[in-house]
Every structure is written in C-alpha cells, then in structure tokens.
C-alpha atoms as a PDB file:
ATOM      1  CA  MET A   1       1.949 -18.383  28.295  1.00  0.00           C
ATOM      2  CA  ASN A   2       4.615 -19.660  25.662  1.00  0.00           C
ATOM      3  CA  GLU A   3       7.221 -17.431  26.137  1.00  0.00           C
ATOM      4  CA  GLY A   4       9.503 -17.650  22.886  1.00  0.00           C
ATOM      5  CA  ARG A   5      10.098 -20.112  20.421  1.00  0.00           C
ATOM      6  CA  GLY A   6      10.332 -22.841  23.185  1.00  0.00           C
ATOM      7  CA  ALA A   7      10.669 -24.081  26.347  1.00  0.00           C
ATOM      8  CA  ALA A   8      14.333 -24.888  26.721  1.00  0.00           C
ATOM      9  CA  GLY A   9      15.871 -21.633  27.423  1.00  0.00           C
ATOM     10  CA  PRO A  10      15.393 -17.715  26.733  1.00  0.00           C
ATOM     11  CA  THR A  11      15.072 -16.168  23.742  1.00  0.00           C
ATOM     12  CA  ALA A  12      17.342 -14.172  21.819  1.00  0.00           C
ATOM     13  CA  GLN A  13      16.671 -11.254  20.177  1.00  0.00           C
ATOM     14  CA  LEU A  14      16.977 -11.812  16.648  1.00  0.00           C
ATOM     15  CA  THR A  15      17.224  -8.689  14.443  1.00  0.00           C
ATOM     16  CA  THR A  16      16.096  -7.750  10.281  1.00  0.00           C
ATOM     17  CA  ALA A  17      18.028  -5.567   8.478  1.00  0.00           C
ATOM     18  CA  VAL A  18      16.825  -3.748   5.226  1.00  0.00           C
ATOM     19  CA  SER A  19      18.495  -2.580   2.771  1.00  0.00           C
ATOM     20  CA  ALA A  20      17.840  -1.147  -0.274  1.00  0.00           C
ATOM     21  CA  TYR A  21      20.164  -0.795  -4.090  1.00  0.00           C
ATOM     22  CA  ALA A  22      19.183   1.149  -7.407  1.00  0.00           C
ATOM     23  CA  VAL A  23      19.305  -0.390 -10.732  1.00  0.00           C
ATOM     24  CA  ILE A  24      20.493   2.782 -12.249  1.00  0.00           C
ATOM     25  CA  ALA A  25      21.456   1.688 -16.270  1.00  0.00           C
ATOM     26  CA  ARG A  26      21.973   4.012 -18.987  1.00  0.00           C
ATOM     27  CA  LEU A  27      22.822   4.097 -23.337  1.00  0.00           C
ATOM     28  CA  LEU A  28      25.852   5.865 -24.832  1.00  0.00           C
ATOM     29  CA  GLY A  29      25.770   3.419 -27.537  1.00  0.00           C
ATOM     30  CA  GLU A  30      26.538   0.663 -25.380  1.00  0.00           C
ATOM     31  CA  GLU A  31      24.112  -0.022 -22.411  1.00  0.00           C
ATOM     32  CA  PHE A  32      26.270   0.385 -18.854  1.00  0.00           C
ATOM     33  CA  LEU A  33      24.622  -0.296 -15.012  1.00  0.00           C
ATOM     34  CA  LEU A  34      25.948   1.580 -12.211  1.00  0.00           C
ATOM     35  CA  THR A  35      27.964  -0.123  -9.509  1.00  0.00           C
ATOM     36  CA  LEU A  36      30.469   1.188  -6.720  1.00  0.00           C
ATOM     37  CA  ARG A  37      33.487  -1.185  -7.115  1.00  0.00           C
ATOM     38  CA  HIS A  38      35.377  -1.593  -3.445  1.00  0.00           C
ATOM     39  CA  ARG A  39      38.361   0.130  -3.493  1.00  0.00           C
ATOM     40  CA  ASP A  40      40.528  -2.815  -1.586  1.00  0.00           C
ATOM     41  CA  ARG A  41      39.030  -5.591  -2.646  1.00  0.00           C
ATOM     42  CA  ARG A  42      37.567  -4.420  -6.336  1.00  0.00           C
ATOM     43  CA  TRP A  43      33.810  -5.906  -5.708  1.00  0.00           C
ATOM     44  CA  HIS A  44      30.926  -4.176  -6.835  1.00  0.00           C
ATOM     45  CA  MET A  45      27.842  -3.697  -5.225  1.00  0.00           C
ATOM     46  CA  LEU A  46      25.052  -1.641  -6.508  1.00  0.00           C
ATOM     47  CA  PRO A  47      24.156   1.814  -4.911  1.00  0.00           C
ATOM     48  CA  GLY A  48      22.416   1.501  -2.219  1.00  0.00           C
ATOM     49  CA  GLY A  49      22.581   0.864   1.222  1.00  0.00           C
ATOM     50  CA  LEU A  50      20.941   0.529   5.177  1.00  0.00           C
ATOM     51  CA  ILE A  51      17.589   1.612   5.558  1.00  0.00           C
ATOM     52  CA  HIS A  52      17.582   3.558   8.776  1.00  0.00           C
ATOM     53  CA  SER A  53      14.859   3.291  11.780  1.00  0.00           C
ATOM     54  CA  GLY A  54      12.565   6.129  11.111  1.00  0.00           C
ATOM     55  CA  GLU A  55      12.874   6.168   6.841  1.00  0.00           C
ATOM     56  CA  THR A  56      10.626   4.758   4.531  1.00  0.00           C
ATOM     57  CA  VAL A  57      12.323   2.157   1.973  1.00  0.00           C
ATOM     58  CA  CYS A  58      12.117   4.890  -0.918  1.00  0.00           C
ATOM     59  CA  GLY A  59      12.800   7.873   1.008  1.00  0.00           C
ATOM     60  CA  GLY A  60      16.447   5.503   2.280  1.00  0.00           C
ATOM     61  CA  LEU A  61      17.488   4.602  -0.489  1.00  0.00           C
ATOM     62  CA  ARG A  62      17.070   8.233  -1.927  1.00  0.00           C
ATOM     63  CA  ALA A  63      19.256   9.593   1.111  1.00  0.00           C
ATOM     64  CA  ARG A  64      21.344   6.780   0.649  1.00  0.00           C
ATOM     65  CA  LEU A  65      22.475   7.388  -3.042  1.00  0.00           C
ATOM     66  CA  ARG A  66      22.559  11.557  -2.523  1.00  0.00           C
ATOM     67  CA  GLU A  67      25.224  10.334   0.424  1.00  0.00           C
ATOM     68  CA  VAL A  68      26.841   8.160  -1.876  1.00  0.00           C
ATOM     69  CA  LEU A  69      26.742   9.382  -5.929  1.00  0.00           C
ATOM     70  CA  GLY A  70      25.160  13.172  -4.608  1.00  0.00           C
ATOM     71  CA  ALA A  71      23.175  12.002  -7.260  1.00  0.00           C
ATOM     72  CA  GLU A  72      19.003  12.594  -7.167  1.00  0.00           C
ATOM     73  CA  VAL A  73      16.985   9.853  -8.985  1.00  0.00           C
ATOM     74  CA  GLY A  74      13.415   9.725 -10.262  1.00  0.00           C
ATOM     75  CA  ASP A  75      11.260   7.684  -9.932  1.00  0.00           C
ATOM     76  CA  LEU A  76      11.314   4.040  -8.187  1.00  0.00           C
ATOM     77  CA  ALA A  77      10.541   0.816  -9.858  1.00  0.00           C
ATOM     78  CA  PHE A  78      10.571  -1.871  -7.218  1.00  0.00           C
ATOM     79  CA  HIS A  79      11.966  -5.147  -8.555  1.00  0.00           C
ATOM     80  CA  THR A  80      12.827  -8.201  -6.441  1.00  0.00           C
ATOM     81  CA  ALA A  81      13.942  -8.927  -2.779  1.00  0.00           C
ATOM     82  CA  ILE A  82      16.605 -10.836  -1.677  1.00  0.00           C
ATOM     83  CA  GLU A  83      16.958 -11.993   0.997  1.00  0.00           C
ATOM     84  CA  ASP A  84      20.791 -13.069   2.274  1.00  0.00           C
ATOM     85  CA  GLU A  85      21.773 -16.349   4.100  1.00  0.00           C
ATOM     86  CA  PRO A  86      20.538 -16.498   7.505  1.00  0.00           C
ATOM     87  CA  GLN A  87      22.829 -15.629  10.604  1.00  0.00           C
ATOM     88  CA  PRO A  88      22.432 -15.478  13.743  1.00  0.00           C
ATOM     89  CA  GLU A  89      22.468 -11.815  14.560  1.00  0.00           C
ATOM     90  CA  GLY A  90      19.861 -12.162  12.068  1.00  0.00           C
ATOM     91  CA  ASN A  91      18.597 -11.675   9.200  1.00  0.00           C
ATOM     92  CA  HIS A  92      19.184  -9.464   5.580  1.00  0.00           C
ATOM     93  CA  ILE A  93      16.707  -8.649   2.957  1.00  0.00           C
ATOM     94  CA  ASN A  94      18.322  -6.785   0.177  1.00  0.00           C
ATOM     95  CA  LEU A  95      15.191  -4.433  -2.410  1.00  0.00           C
ATOM     96  CA  VAL A  96      16.016  -3.743  -5.155  1.00  0.00           C
ATOM     97  CA  PHE A  97      14.676  -0.988  -7.550  1.00  0.00           C
ATOM     98  CA  ASP A  98      14.682   0.435 -11.360  1.00  0.00           C
ATOM     99  CA  THR A  99      15.386   4.151 -11.651  1.00  0.00           C
ATOM    100  CA  SER A 100      17.314   7.070 -13.501  1.00  0.00           C
ATOM    101  CA  LEU A 101      19.873   9.820 -12.677  1.00  0.00           C
ATOM    102  CA  VAL A 102      18.346  13.347 -12.780  1.00  0.00           C
ATOM    103  CA  GLY A 103      19.214  14.742 -16.316  1.00  0.00           C
ATOM    104  CA  ALA A 104      21.237  13.672 -19.006  1.00  0.00           C
ATOM    105  CA  ASP A 105      22.658  10.011 -19.525  1.00  0.00           C
ATOM    106  CA  ASP A 106      25.777  10.769 -20.006  1.00  0.00           C
ATOM    107  CA  VAL A 107      25.754  13.040 -15.926  1.00  0.00           C
ATOM    108  CA  GLU A 108      29.121  11.815 -14.187  1.00  0.00           C
ATOM    109  CA  VAL A 109      28.745  10.222 -11.641  1.00  0.00           C
ATOM    110  CA  ALA A 110      31.648  10.080  -8.842  1.00  0.00           C
ATOM    111  CA  SER A 111      31.679   8.153  -5.512  1.00  0.00           C
ATOM    112  CA  ARG A 112      32.133  10.251  -2.532  1.00  0.00           C
ATOM    113  CA  SER A 113      33.552   7.758   0.359  1.00  0.00           C
ATOM    114  CA  GLN A 114      36.586   7.009   0.518  1.00  0.00           C
ATOM    115  CA  LEU A 115      35.862   3.021   0.092  1.00  0.00           C
ATOM    116  CA  TRP A 116      34.042   3.090  -3.152  1.00  0.00           C
ATOM    117  CA  ASP A 117      34.672   4.578  -6.727  1.00  0.00           C
ATOM    118  CA  ALA A 118      31.510   4.547  -9.099  1.00  0.00           C
ATOM    119  CA  VAL A 119      32.395   2.898 -12.559  1.00  0.00           C
ATOM    120  CA  TRP A 120      29.677   1.960 -14.655  1.00  0.00           C
ATOM    121  CA  ILE A 121      29.708  -1.411 -15.930  1.00  0.00           C
ATOM    122  CA  ARG A 122      28.891  -2.806 -19.840  1.00  0.00           C
ATOM    123  CA  TRP A 123      25.829  -4.669 -19.975  1.00  0.00           C
ATOM    124  CA  ASP A 124      26.956  -7.501 -21.291  1.00  0.00           C
ATOM    125  CA  ASP A 125      29.721  -7.704 -18.597  1.00  0.00           C
ATOM    126  CA  ILE A 126      27.597  -8.061 -15.464  1.00  0.00           C
ATOM    127  CA  GLU A 127      27.522 -12.174 -15.164  1.00  0.00           C
ATOM    128  CA  ALA A 128      31.353 -11.638 -14.837  1.00  0.00           C
ATOM    129  CA  THR A 129      31.156  -9.482 -11.955  1.00  0.00           C
ATOM    130  CA  ASP A 130      31.641  -9.522  -9.176  1.00  0.00           C
ATOM    131  CA  LEU A 131      28.363  -8.103  -7.610  1.00  0.00           C
ATOM    132  CA  TYR A 132      26.474  -8.065  -4.585  1.00  0.00           C
ATOM    133  CA  PRO A 133      24.266  -9.345  -3.290  1.00  0.00           C
ATOM    134  CA  PRO A 134      25.278 -12.074  -6.156  1.00  0.00           C
ATOM    135  CA  LEU A 135      21.440 -13.424  -6.378  1.00  0.00           C
ATOM    136  CA  VAL A 136      21.280  -9.032  -8.095  1.00  0.00           C
ATOM    137  CA  ARG A 137      22.985 -11.341 -10.953  1.00  0.00           C
ATOM    138  CA  ARG A 138      20.374 -12.870 -12.052  1.00  0.00           C
ATOM    139  CA  ARG A 139      17.541 -11.315 -11.054  1.00  0.00           C
ATOM    140  CA  LEU A 140      18.823  -8.537 -13.358  1.00  0.00           C
ATOM    141  CA  PRO A 141      16.606  -8.003 -16.938  1.00  0.00           C
ATOM    142  CA  VAL A 142      17.695 -10.258 -19.304  1.00  0.00           C
ATOM    143  CA  GLY A 143      18.675  -9.013 -23.115  1.00  0.00           C
ATOM    144  CA  THR A 144      18.983  -5.230 -23.322  1.00  0.00           C
ATOM    145  CA  LEU A 145      17.811  -2.210 -22.039  1.00  0.00           C
ATOM    146  CA  ARG A 146      16.223  -1.285 -26.195  1.00  0.00           C
ATOM    147  CA  ASP A 147      13.418  -4.212 -24.890  1.00  0.00           C
ATOM    148  CA  GLU A 148      10.228  -3.013 -23.898  1.00  0.00           C
ATOM    149  CA  ALA A 149       9.515  -2.080 -20.074  1.00  0.00           C
ATOM    150  CA  TRP A 150      12.157  -3.988 -17.116  1.00  0.00           C
ATOM    151  CA  TRP A 151       9.368  -3.155 -14.691  1.00  0.00           C
ATOM    152  CA  PRO A 152       4.925  -3.289 -14.512  1.00  0.00           C
ATOM    153  CA  PRO A 153       4.048   0.266 -14.646  1.00  0.00           C
ATOM    154  CA  GLU A 154       1.938  -0.175 -11.473  1.00  0.00           C
ATOM    155  CA  LEU A 155       5.112  -0.623  -9.189  1.00  0.00           C
ATOM    156  CA  SER A 156       6.148   2.748  -9.959  1.00  0.00           C
ATOM    157  CA  SER A 157       6.804   4.716  -6.105  1.00  0.00           C
ATOM    158  CA  ALA A 158       4.174   7.753  -6.500  1.00  0.00           C
ATOM    159  CA  PRO A 159       5.854  11.255  -7.110  1.00  0.00           C
ATOM    160  CA  ASN A 160       5.592  11.319  -2.958  1.00  0.00           C
ATOM    161  CA  ASP A 161       6.972   8.791  -1.912  1.00  0.00           C
ATOM    162  CA  GLY A 162       8.064   9.370   1.127  1.00  0.00           C
ATOM    163  CA  GLU A 163      11.376  10.530   0.767  1.00  0.00           C
ATOM    164  CA  ASP A 164      11.062  13.337   3.865  1.00  0.00           C
END
C-alpha cells in the first residue's frame, strides 16, 4: 500500500483555504466598485474573506459582509475562481461573486473593521488600483455596468443559498 505521495518520507498535511469576495457595484451618474482599503498599507480588496469550517460558501460570504460592512446583499452570482500561487503550507482559492446591496443605490456603507475603510472607487480607476487578489482586475467585466448583464442568470444563487 502506498501511503502519501512518495516513498521517500512522510507526507505533510496540506490545507486548502477558501475565500469568497463580492463585486458590489453601483451607478450614481458614474460607475463605482465597493472595495476595502487597508488603513496602513493603502491597498484594496473586494469585500469578503475566509470561509469557515461548517459554512457554505454563499452563507460564509454573507456572514463576512455583515461582519465587515454591516450590510445585507441580494442574490449571489458566481463570477470566477482565482487560485493564489501555491505555498508550502497549502493552497488558497478565491471565489468571486456578483451581488448588490439591499436597499437604495446610494446606501451609505462604512467598515466595522479597525484595519479597513470601505471605499467606492470609480470603475474606470480599477486598472490603476492595487487590488487583491491581483488577478481579479483582469476578471472583472470590461466596459460599463450599463452593458448587458455581466453574468449568466443560471449561475445566480437560489434565494436560500445556505446562509443559515
């Protein structure tokens, strides 16, 4: 019986961390994307975070958005998966979903975190923004939010997407 990947020695336990992030956009004359900007380092990330053991991806994403933004979101539509460079301790997979804030387009959003500020950036400025994960800039829809639908409707989450 072959135990592990090779016969040379013991096999290390590798882990895979899964994070989920939300593309939350709005139209107020111009088009904007909601990001979280690190207060000390000035780089941005999409709102979201690690999915905890026992959570569904959609339920975990909704929980992270409530924790950090105090915001509720509508249906989640899967957009893309981005794998970070493999590390010796394990892999990290980033799942990106499209959604919208529940309520009006001009709803005020403030970060509840001491590390992050909630910042709306102009859609046209995304290319020049230091955004994590880095590959997300290339995977965001090109053009304008006014174009036809960004994501196929069959990828939208069901109303009960396991957020319990």
